[in-house]
Amino acid sequence: MIALIQRVSRAQVDVEGETVGAIGAGLLALVAVEPDDGPAQVERMLERLLGYRIFADDSGRMNRSLRDTGGGLLLVSQFTLAADTAKGMRPSFTRAAPPELGRQRFDELVARARQMHPGVETGRFGAHMEVGLVNDGPVTFWLQAR
């Protein structure tokens, strides 16, 4: 499982002109599911999303997690993160999970996140989404759960 996370002051997802998910300060996580991902990868990714220390402490150091700050978490499915771009001029998506498995694992991630953290929002799986954000920093990290 792959997540591209961005520390944001706000973010939202629109589908066909309607806002389907929005947060204030927190994390926007673009999430890709890979074919071999199972419940262990879901749990590890959630642990990293909630525990990764990228928010400032009182000294201004990145030393606080989303769990510490209580900020929002916006989860957006994005299979293109699993693309193989090593050669050629067109990405290959053989490293991305098939849609059924992708939806299942993404839904598991969302359900577990909602059990463990307040303020979890999502995009809409498989939809054409418009994602808007204000990256705070900018701060962006690539996470993997293998």
C-alpha atoms as a PDB file:
ATOM      1  CA  MET A   1       0.000   0.000   0.000  1.00  0.00           C
ATOM      2  CA  ILE A   2       1.273   3.433  -0.946  1.00  0.00           C
ATOM      3  CA  ALA A   3       0.254   6.831   0.370  1.00  0.00           C
ATOM      4  CA  LEU A   4       1.383  10.259  -0.728  1.00  0.00           C
ATOM      5  CA  ILE A   5       0.637  12.439   2.287  1.00  0.00           C
ATOM      6  CA  GLN A   6       0.518  16.208   2.461  1.00  0.00           C
ATOM      7  CA  ARG A   7       0.244  18.335   5.559  1.00  0.00           C
ATOM      8  CA  VAL A   8      -2.559  20.760   4.761  1.00  0.00           C
ATOM      9  CA  SER A   9      -4.264  23.762   6.282  1.00  0.00           C
ATOM     10  CA  ARG A  10      -7.373  22.671   4.361  1.00  0.00           C
ATOM     11  CA  ALA A  11      -8.365  20.225   1.621  1.00  0.00           C
ATOM     12  CA  GLN A  12     -11.493  19.080  -0.157  1.00  0.00           C
ATOM     13  CA  VAL A  13     -12.683  16.662  -2.814  1.00  0.00           C
ATOM     14  CA  ASP A  14     -15.426  17.517  -5.295  1.00  0.00           C
ATOM     15  CA  VAL A  15     -17.273  15.103  -7.571  1.00  0.00           C
ATOM     16  CA  GLU A  16     -19.485  16.588 -10.297  1.00  0.00           C
ATOM     17  CA  GLY A  17     -19.490  19.976  -8.573  1.00  0.00           C
ATOM     18  CA  GLU A  18     -20.449  18.589  -5.140  1.00  0.00           C
ATOM     19  CA  THR A  19     -18.052  18.532  -2.195  1.00  0.00           C
ATOM     20  CA  VAL A  20     -17.920  14.934  -0.951  1.00  0.00           C
ATOM     21  CA  GLY A  21     -15.139  15.337   1.628  1.00  0.00           C
ATOM     22  CA  ALA A  22     -13.410  18.279   3.297  1.00  0.00           C
ATOM     23  CA  ILE A  23     -11.068  18.896   6.228  1.00  0.00           C
ATOM     24  CA  GLY A  24      -9.369  21.812   7.917  1.00  0.00           C
ATOM     25  CA  ALA A  25      -5.805  21.414   9.215  1.00  0.00           C
ATOM     26  CA  GLY A  26      -4.534  17.858   8.971  1.00  0.00           C
ATOM     27  CA  LEU A  27      -3.429  15.323   6.372  1.00  0.00           C
ATOM     28  CA  LEU A  28      -4.493  14.662   2.813  1.00  0.00           C
ATOM     29  CA  ALA A  29      -3.550  11.089   1.911  1.00  0.00           C
ATOM     30  CA  LEU A  30      -3.662   9.893  -1.692  1.00  0.00           C
ATOM     31  CA  VAL A  31      -3.758   6.093  -1.382  1.00  0.00           C
ATOM     32  CA  ALA A  32      -2.931   3.299  -3.831  1.00  0.00           C
ATOM     33  CA  VAL A  33      -3.532  -0.383  -3.191  1.00  0.00           C
ATOM     34  CA  GLU A  34      -1.141  -2.963  -4.646  1.00  0.00           C
ATOM     35  CA  PRO A  35      -2.112  -6.546  -5.597  1.00  0.00           C
ATOM     36  CA  ASP A  36      -0.510  -8.253  -2.576  1.00  0.00           C
ATOM     37  CA  ASP A  37      -1.935  -5.832   0.009  1.00  0.00           C
ATOM     38  CA  GLY A  38      -3.968  -7.410   2.768  1.00  0.00           C
ATOM     39  CA  PRO A  39      -5.212  -6.532   6.243  1.00  0.00           C
ATOM     40  CA  ALA A  40      -1.639  -6.269   7.582  1.00  0.00           C
ATOM     41  CA  GLN A  41      -0.799  -3.521   5.065  1.00  0.00           C
ATOM     42  CA  VAL A  42      -4.036  -1.695   5.899  1.00  0.00           C
ATOM     43  CA  GLU A  43      -3.156  -1.717   9.606  1.00  0.00           C
ATOM     44  CA  ARG A  44       0.456  -0.676   9.004  1.00  0.00           C
ATOM     45  CA  MET A  45      -0.590   2.192   6.732  1.00  0.00           C
ATOM     46  CA  LEU A  46      -3.136   3.416   9.253  1.00  0.00           C
ATOM     47  CA  GLU A  47      -0.498   3.264  11.992  1.00  0.00           C
ATOM     48  CA  ARG A  48       1.810   5.385   9.840  1.00  0.00           C
ATOM     49  CA  LEU A  49      -0.893   7.880   8.827  1.00  0.00           C
ATOM     50  CA  LEU A  50      -1.957   8.503  12.403  1.00  0.00           C
ATOM     51  CA  GLY A  51       1.502   8.318  13.950  1.00  0.00           C
ATOM     52  CA  TYR A  52       3.840   9.974  11.416  1.00  0.00           C
ATOM     53  CA  ARG A  53       5.328  13.015  13.142  1.00  0.00           C
ATOM     54  CA  ILE A  54       5.110  15.904  10.674  1.00  0.00           C
ATOM     55  CA  PHE A  55       3.327  18.569  12.720  1.00  0.00           C
ATOM     56  CA  ALA A  56       5.191  21.218  14.674  1.00  0.00           C
ATOM     57  CA  ASP A  57       5.681  20.991  18.416  1.00  0.00           C
ATOM     58  CA  ASP A  58       6.080  24.042  20.658  1.00  0.00           C
ATOM     59  CA  SER A  59       9.675  24.442  19.417  1.00  0.00           C
ATOM     60  CA  GLY A  60       8.609  24.390  15.756  1.00  0.00           C
ATOM     61  CA  ARG A  61      10.092  20.927  15.115  1.00  0.00           C
ATOM     62  CA  MET A  62       8.211  18.213  13.238  1.00  0.00           C
ATOM     63  CA  ASN A  63       7.546  16.144  16.310  1.00  0.00           C
ATOM     64  CA  ARG A  64       3.753  15.736  16.557  1.00  0.00           C
ATOM     65  CA  SER A  65       1.494  13.270  14.776  1.00  0.00           C
ATOM     66  CA  LEU A  66      -2.040  13.523  13.487  1.00  0.00           C
ATOM     67  CA  ARG A  67      -3.054  11.533  16.559  1.00  0.00           C
ATOM     68  CA  ASP A  68      -1.388  14.203  18.730  1.00  0.00           C
ATOM     69  CA  THR A  69      -2.979  17.167  16.953  1.00  0.00           C
ATOM     70  CA  GLY A  70      -6.457  15.708  16.387  1.00  0.00           C
ATOM     71  CA  GLY A  71      -6.412  17.157  12.856  1.00  0.00           C
ATOM     72  CA  GLY A  72      -8.513  15.979   9.943  1.00  0.00           C
ATOM     73  CA  LEU A  73      -7.663  13.068   7.664  1.00  0.00           C
ATOM     74  CA  LEU A  74      -8.844  13.143   4.043  1.00  0.00           C
ATOM     75  CA  LEU A  75      -8.357   9.762   2.342  1.00  0.00           C
ATOM     76  CA  VAL A  76      -8.504   9.729  -1.469  1.00  0.00           C
ATOM     77  CA  SER A  77      -8.045   6.600  -3.580  1.00  0.00           C
ATOM     78  CA  GLN A  78      -5.480   7.075  -6.340  1.00  0.00           C
ATOM     79  CA  PHE A  79      -4.383   3.951  -8.196  1.00  0.00           C
ATOM     80  CA  THR A  80      -1.965   5.951 -10.362  1.00  0.00           C
ATOM     81  CA  LEU A  81       0.519   6.079  -7.452  1.00  0.00           C
ATOM     82  CA  ALA A  82       1.215   2.402  -8.129  1.00  0.00           C
ATOM     83  CA  ALA A  83       2.197   3.087 -11.746  1.00  0.00           C
ATOM     84  CA  ASP A  84       5.424   1.730 -13.193  1.00  0.00           C
ATOM     85  CA  THR A  85       7.075   4.720 -14.879  1.00  0.00           C
ATOM     86  CA  ALA A  86      10.560   3.233 -15.281  1.00  0.00           C
ATOM     87  CA  LYS A  87      10.536   3.108 -19.061  1.00  0.00           C
ATOM     88  CA  GLY A  88       8.675   4.399 -22.057  1.00  0.00           C
ATOM     89  CA  MET A  89       6.344   7.353 -22.283  1.00  0.00           C
ATOM     90  CA  ARG A  90       3.176   5.731 -20.970  1.00  0.00           C
ATOM     91  CA  PRO A  91       2.690   4.416 -17.413  1.00  0.00           C
ATOM     92  CA  SER A  92       1.907   0.774 -16.752  1.00  0.00           C
ATOM     93  CA  PHE A  93      -0.574  -0.027 -14.012  1.00  0.00           C
ATOM     94  CA  THR A  94       0.297  -3.694 -13.462  1.00  0.00           C
ATOM     95  CA  ARG A  95       1.505  -2.822  -9.934  1.00  0.00           C
ATOM     96  CA  ALA A  96      -1.957  -1.482  -8.987  1.00  0.00           C
ATOM     97  CA  ALA A  97      -4.560  -3.788  -7.463  1.00  0.00           C
ATOM     98  CA  PRO A  98      -7.597  -4.660  -9.589  1.00  0.00           C
ATOM     99  CA  PRO A  99     -10.533  -2.321  -8.873  1.00  0.00           C
ATOM    100  CA  GLU A 100     -12.450  -4.818  -6.707  1.00  0.00           C
ATOM    101  CA  LEU A 101      -9.481  -5.473  -4.429  1.00  0.00           C
ATOM    102  CA  GLY A 102      -8.539  -1.790  -4.431  1.00  0.00           C
ATOM    103  CA  ARG A 103     -12.016  -0.807  -3.276  1.00  0.00           C
ATOM    104  CA  GLN A 104     -12.088  -3.526  -0.604  1.00  0.00           C
ATOM    105  CA  ARG A 105      -8.731  -2.556   0.930  1.00  0.00           C
ATOM    106  CA  PHE A 106      -9.423   1.190   0.639  1.00  0.00           C
ATOM    107  CA  ASP A 107     -12.801   0.723   2.359  1.00  0.00           C
ATOM    108  CA  GLU A 108     -11.066  -1.277   5.112  1.00  0.00           C
ATOM    109  CA  LEU A 109      -8.591   1.574   5.594  1.00  0.00           C
ATOM    110  CA  VAL A 110     -11.410   4.121   5.836  1.00  0.00           C
ATOM    111  CA  ALA A 111     -13.432   1.997   8.284  1.00  0.00           C
ATOM    112  CA  ARG A 112     -10.436   1.395  10.561  1.00  0.00           C
ATOM    113  CA  ALA A 113      -9.428   5.073  10.389  1.00  0.00           C
ATOM    114  CA  ARG A 114     -12.926   6.120  11.452  1.00  0.00           C
ATOM    115  CA  GLN A 115     -12.760   3.722  14.398  1.00  0.00           C
ATOM    116  CA  MET A 116      -9.443   5.183  15.567  1.00  0.00           C
ATOM    117  CA  HIS A 117      -9.577   8.892  14.708  1.00  0.00           C
ATOM    118  CA  PRO A 118     -12.208  11.650  14.564  1.00  0.00           C
ATOM    119  CA  GLY A 119     -12.644  13.793  11.464  1.00  0.00           C
ATOM    120  CA  VAL A 120     -11.979  11.231   8.712  1.00  0.00           C
ATOM    121  CA  GLU A 121     -13.309  12.234   5.286  1.00  0.00           C
ATOM    122  CA  THR A 122     -12.969  10.591   1.865  1.00  0.00           C
ATOM    123  CA  GLY A 123     -13.244  11.125  -1.807  1.00  0.00           C
ATOM    124  CA  ARG A 124     -15.374   8.751  -3.904  1.00  0.00           C
ATOM    125  CA  PHE A 125     -13.687   5.559  -5.064  1.00  0.00           C
ATOM    126  CA  GLY A 126     -13.522   5.252  -8.864  1.00  0.00           C
ATOM    127  CA  ALA A 127     -15.002   8.705  -9.508  1.00  0.00           C
ATOM    128  CA  HIS A 128     -13.414  11.561 -11.400  1.00  0.00           C
ATOM    129  CA  MET A 129     -12.450  13.783  -8.485  1.00  0.00           C
ATOM    130  CA  GLU A 130     -11.217  17.336  -8.199  1.00  0.00           C
ATOM    131  CA  VAL A 131      -8.902  17.613  -5.205  1.00  0.00           C
ATOM    132  CA  GLY A 132      -8.137  21.040  -3.819  1.00  0.00           C
ATOM    133  CA  LEU A 133      -5.662  21.700  -1.044  1.00  0.00           C
ATOM    134  CA  VAL A 134      -3.466  24.231   0.643  1.00  0.00           C
ATOM    135  CA  ASN A 135      -0.213  22.408   1.396  1.00  0.00           C
ATOM    136  CA  ASP A 136       1.157  23.658   4.706  1.00  0.00           C
ATOM    137  CA  GLY A 137       4.912  24.032   4.377  1.00  0.00           C
ATOM    138  CA  PRO A 138       4.943  22.572   1.766  1.00  0.00           C
ATOM    139  CA  VAL A 139       5.246  19.227   3.520  1.00  0.00           C
ATOM    140  CA  THR A 140       4.804  16.084   1.406  1.00  0.00           C
ATOM    141  CA  PHE A 141       5.942  12.501   2.066  1.00  0.00           C
ATOM    142  CA  TRP A 142       5.725   9.154   0.276  1.00  0.00           C
ATOM    143  CA  LEU A 143       4.788   6.268   2.622  1.00  0.00           C
ATOM    144  CA  GLN A 144       4.704   2.557   1.912  1.00  0.00           C
ATOM    145  CA  ALA A 145       3.361  -0.328   3.965  1.00  0.00           C
ATOM    146  CA  ARG A 146       4.766  -3.627   2.803  1.00  0.00           C
END
